[in-house]
Protein backbone atom coordinates (compact mmCIF):
# COMPACT_ATOMS: atom_id res chain seq x y z
CA MET A 1 0.00 0.00 0.00
CA PRO A 2 1.51 3.30 -1.09
CA LEU A 3 2.50 5.59 1.79
CA SER A 4 0.65 8.44 0.13
CA SER A 5 -2.67 6.61 0.18
CA PRO A 6 -5.28 7.82 2.70
CA ALA A 7 -5.24 4.49 4.54
CA ALA A 8 -1.47 4.61 4.95
CA GLN A 9 -1.59 8.20 6.20
CA GLN A 10 -4.23 7.28 8.77
CA ALA A 11 -2.12 4.33 9.99
CA ILE A 12 0.90 6.62 10.40
CA LYS A 13 -1.19 9.11 12.37
CA ARG A 14 -2.44 6.37 14.65
CA GLN A 15 1.15 5.21 15.35
CA GLU A 16 2.28 8.77 16.07
CA GLU A 17 -0.66 9.31 18.42
CA SER A 18 0.15 6.05 20.21
CA LEU A 19 3.78 7.09 20.67
CA ARG A 20 2.71 10.50 22.03
CA GLN A 21 0.47 8.83 24.58
CA GLN A 22 3.29 6.53 25.67
CA ASP A 23 5.65 9.51 26.04
CA LYS A 24 3.07 11.30 28.21
CA LYS A 25 2.65 8.27 30.44
CA SER A 26 6.40 7.82 30.75
CA SER A 27 6.92 11.52 31.51
CA GLY A 28 4.08 11.53 34.03
CA SER A 29 5.50 8.47 35.76
CA LEU A 30 8.91 10.09 36.08
CA MET A 31 7.38 13.28 37.44
CA ASP A 32 5.26 11.34 39.92
CA GLU A 33 8.35 9.51 41.15
CA SER A 34 10.27 12.78 41.44
CA ASP A 35 7.42 14.36 43.40
CA TYR A 36 7.31 11.33 45.69
CA TRP A 37 10.96 11.67 46.65
CA LYS A 38 10.59 15.43 47.14
CA GLN A 39 7.81 14.83 49.64
CA GLN A 40 9.82 12.38 51.72
CA PRO A 41 11.45 13.76 54.91
CA LYS A 42 15.13 14.46 54.56
CA ILE A 43 17.31 12.04 56.49
CA GLU A 44 20.44 13.73 57.67
CA PRO A 45 23.55 11.54 57.64
CA LYS A 46 24.48 10.40 61.11
CA LEU A 47 27.86 11.63 62.28
CA PRO A 48 29.92 9.58 64.69
CA PRO A 49 29.54 10.77 68.31
CA GLU A 50 32.12 13.29 69.44
CA LEU A 51 34.67 11.79 71.77
CA PRO A 52 35.46 13.70 74.96
CA PRO A 53 38.76 15.61 74.82
CA THR A 54 41.73 13.59 75.94
CA GLU A 55 42.85 14.58 79.43
CA THR A 56 46.37 15.86 79.68
CA TYR A 57 48.57 15.29 82.69
CA ALA A 58 51.66 17.08 83.92
CA ILE A 59 52.77 13.73 85.34
CA ASP A 60 51.88 10.46 83.60
CA LYS A 61 53.86 7.44 84.79
CA ASN A 62 52.93 4.02 83.45
CA ILE A 63 54.17 2.17 86.52
CA THR A 64 52.58 -0.60 88.59
CA GLY A 65 53.46 0.35 92.16
CA GLY A 66 51.31 3.44 92.64
CA LEU A 67 52.46 6.41 94.70
CA ILE A 68 54.85 4.31 96.76
CA GLU A 69 56.83 3.48 93.62
CA PHE A 70 56.47 7.00 92.19
CA PHE A 71 58.09 8.54 95.27
CA GLY A 72 60.82 5.88 95.41
CA LEU A 73 59.58 4.34 98.66
CA GLN A 74 59.28 0.69 97.54
CA GLY A 75 62.21 -0.54 99.65
CA TRP A 76 60.90 1.16 102.80
CA TYR A 77 57.34 0.00 102.17
CA GLN A 78 58.22 -3.64 101.61
CA ALA A 79 60.65 -3.84 104.52
CA THR A 80 58.58 -1.90 107.05
CA PHE A 81 55.02 -3.23 106.83
CA ASN A 82 53.70 -6.77 107.06
CA ASP A 83 50.91 -7.98 104.77
CA GLU A 84 48.16 -7.18 107.25
CA GLN A 85 49.42 -3.63 107.75
CA LYS A 86 49.73 -3.10 104.00
CA HIS A 87 46.15 -4.24 103.51
CA ARG A 88 44.85 -1.85 106.18
CA LEU A 89 46.96 0.99 104.87
CA GLU A 90 45.91 0.56 101.25
CA GLU A 91 42.26 0.13 102.19
CA LEU A 92 42.31 3.32 104.24
CA PHE A 93 44.16 5.29 101.61
CA GLY A 94 41.82 4.38 98.73
CA THR A 95 42.69 6.74 95.88
CA VAL A 96 43.94 10.32 95.76
CA SER A 97 43.34 12.14 92.48
CA GLY A 98 42.73 8.73 90.94
CA ASN A 99 46.02 7.30 92.20
CA LYS A 100 46.33 4.27 94.45
CA LEU A 101 48.83 3.91 97.24
CA ALA A 102 50.83 0.87 96.11
CA SER A 103 49.43 -0.30 92.77
CA GLY A 104 48.72 1.00 89.30
CA PRO A 105 49.99 3.96 87.28
CA VAL A 106 50.35 7.51 88.58
CA ARG A 107 48.87 10.58 86.92
CA PHE A 108 48.69 14.15 88.15
CA LYS A 109 47.33 17.20 86.36
CA PHE A 110 49.87 19.36 88.17
CA ALA A 111 53.58 18.80 88.60
CA ASN A 112 54.05 20.23 92.11
CA VAL A 113 53.79 16.92 93.96
CA ASP A 114 56.25 16.14 96.68
CA VAL A 115 57.19 13.20 98.89
CA LEU A 116 56.98 15.36 102.02
CA GLN A 117 53.43 16.43 101.23
CA PHE A 118 52.55 12.81 100.39
CA LEU A 119 53.87 11.43 103.69
CA TYR A 120 52.32 14.27 105.69
CA ASP A 121 48.90 13.65 104.13
CA LEU A 122 49.29 9.90 104.66
CA GLU A 123 50.16 10.46 108.30
CA GLU A 124 47.13 12.71 108.76
CA LYS A 125 44.90 9.85 107.60
CA LEU A 126 46.38 7.58 110.28
CA LYS A 127 45.68 9.65 113.40
CA SER A 128 42.97 7.30 114.64
CA GLN A 129 44.15 5.12 117.54
CA LYS A 130 43.44 1.92 115.61
CA PHE A 131 46.21 2.87 113.17
CA SER A 132 48.73 3.84 115.81
CA ASP A 133 51.16 1.07 114.86
CA ILE A 134 51.21 2.18 111.21
CA TYR A 135 51.20 5.87 112.11
CA LYS A 136 54.46 5.49 114.01
CA LEU A 137 56.17 3.79 111.06
CA VAL A 138 55.01 6.44 108.57
CA ASP A 139 56.03 9.21 110.97
CA GLU A 140 59.55 7.81 111.22
CA GLN A 141 59.92 7.84 107.43
CA TYR A 142 58.45 11.32 107.17
CA LYS A 143 61.03 12.55 109.67
CA ILE A 144 63.85 10.96 107.62
CA GLU A 145 62.64 12.66 104.42
CA ALA A 146 62.12 16.01 106.19
CA GLY A 147 65.63 15.75 107.65
CA LYS A 148 67.02 15.92 104.11
CA PHE A 149 65.66 19.47 103.98
CA CYS A 150 66.94 20.77 107.30
CA LYS A 151 67.85 19.53 110.76
CA ILE A 152 64.91 18.19 112.74
CA ASP A 153 64.18 19.28 116.29
CA ASN A 154 62.74 16.09 117.79
CA LYS A 155 60.98 17.88 120.64
CA ARG A 156 59.26 20.28 118.27
CA TRP A 157 58.46 17.42 115.88
CA ASP A 158 56.59 15.53 118.58
CA ASN A 159 54.89 18.44 120.31
CA GLU A 160 54.56 21.57 118.22
CA LYS A 161 51.47 22.17 116.12
CA TYR A 162 52.28 23.00 112.47
CA TYR A 163 55.94 22.02 112.79
CA LYS A 164 55.45 18.98 110.55
CA SER A 165 53.23 20.85 108.10
CA TRP A 166 55.99 23.45 107.59
CA PHE A 167 58.01 20.81 105.73
CA SER A 168 55.06 19.65 103.65
CA LEU A 169 54.50 23.21 102.38
CA MET A 170 58.07 23.93 101.30
CA LYS A 171 57.76 22.39 97.82
CA TYR A 172 54.81 24.67 97.05
CA ARG A 173 56.56 27.72 98.42
CA ILE A 174 59.70 27.11 96.37
CA ASP A 175 57.66 26.41 93.22
CA ALA A 176 55.70 29.62 93.76
CA LEU A 177 58.89 31.66 94.14
CA ASN A 178 60.46 30.15 91.02
CA LYS A 179 57.31 30.77 89.00
CA LEU A 180 57.24 34.43 90.05
CA LYS A 181 60.83 34.88 88.90
CA ALA A 182 60.29 33.03 85.60
CA ASP A 183 57.03 34.69 84.56
CA ASN A 184 58.41 38.23 84.28
CA TYR A 185 54.88 39.53 84.90
CA PHE A 186 54.89 40.48 88.56
CA THR A 187 57.25 43.17 89.79
CA ASP A 188 56.90 42.50 93.51
CA GLY A 189 56.25 39.63 95.86
CA GLN A 190 54.86 39.36 99.36
CA PHE A 191 54.22 36.83 102.11
CA ASP A 192 50.68 35.98 103.10
CA VAL A 193 50.28 34.94 106.72
CA VAL A 194 47.63 32.80 108.39
CA ASP A 195 46.81 35.02 111.36
CA ASP A 196 45.47 33.01 114.29
CA ASN A 197 46.38 32.09 117.85
CA PHE A 198 49.25 29.90 116.66
CA THR A 199 50.94 32.61 114.55
CA THR A 200 54.06 34.18 116.04
CA GLN A 201 55.33 37.72 115.74
CA THR A 202 58.03 36.77 113.21
CA CYS A 203 55.36 35.95 110.64
CA LEU A 204 53.17 38.92 111.56
CA ASP A 205 56.11 41.28 111.05
CA ILE A 206 56.54 40.18 107.43
CA ASN A 207 52.85 40.01 106.56
CA ASN A 208 51.94 41.91 103.36
CA LYS A 209 55.35 43.55 103.04
CA GLY A 210 56.42 44.02 99.45
CA PHE A 211 59.77 42.86 98.04
CA LYS A 212 61.13 43.58 94.58
CA ILE A 213 61.66 40.49 92.46
CA LEU A 214 64.18 41.59 89.85
CA ASN A 215 66.76 42.99 92.28
CA GLY A 216 66.69 39.85 94.46
CA ASP A 217 64.90 41.35 97.47
CA LEU A 218 62.21 38.65 97.41
CA ASP A 219 64.82 35.88 97.14
CA ARG A 220 66.69 37.19 100.16
CA ALA A 221 63.52 37.64 102.23
CA PHE A 222 62.40 34.13 101.26
CA ASP A 223 65.70 32.54 102.30
CA GLN A 224 65.69 34.40 105.59
CA HIS A 225 62.08 33.62 106.49
CA PHE A 226 62.19 29.95 105.52
CA LEU A 227 65.71 29.19 106.70
CA GLU A 228 64.26 26.97 109.41
CA PRO A 229 60.76 26.19 110.70
CA ILE A 230 59.14 29.11 112.52
CA GLU A 231 56.58 28.20 115.14
CA GLY A 232 53.06 28.37 113.70
CA CYS A 233 54.31 29.41 110.26
CA ARG A 234 52.00 28.61 107.34
CA CYS A 235 53.13 31.55 105.23
CA THR A 236 52.86 31.47 101.44
CA VAL A 237 54.37 33.73 98.81
CA ARG A 238 52.63 35.44 95.88
CA GLY A 239 53.29 38.21 93.40
CA TYR A 240 51.67 41.49 92.42
CA ARG A 241 52.36 44.37 90.08
CA GLY A 242 53.65 47.39 91.95
């Protein structure tokens, strides 16, 4: 049948119309699918949970003997206490700043830790009569360590309030003085005194007096005031801008 015949032309038109209808259906289906996805709620990608910041420590020792090992007291500890005393001591001590007495690693956020302060604090925990046997042994070691700093007056050691604590504070006092000199921020330093019934006139006389840092006045005043334990002394040193 010739393509130019009316019948052929009608057949062609019917095919074209059929194709147009199919295109419309196909286009409509695609649009419907597109609209469907547009209407769906957006699902945000899940991010992994934020981890807490890693803690930093001024002291981080991966040891197994706790504070006893950290302060080099293993020999004394093992030779001095029996198993029963060690158990009582470690149970009483628990943890300090997350550190155990005689086991595990040692971590401190600050570096100004000191064996004298450690033994003084340990002794303070043992003042109950039921720990009197252990208290005496710790006190003897504390006296040995304190004697490395200056000569001990045994009578004052046994009887005078704040005599023992004077030694435990010296590390902090020295660190404070060194920090003042290294910072180059403060121009002057002074001594702060705990003023109570135990404070003596020597400390009261120096209270709030200013001393220049750069010319060495503060150093000299520090050496003079802390040359040896003063009765009732709990003085600390700090800086200010004059």
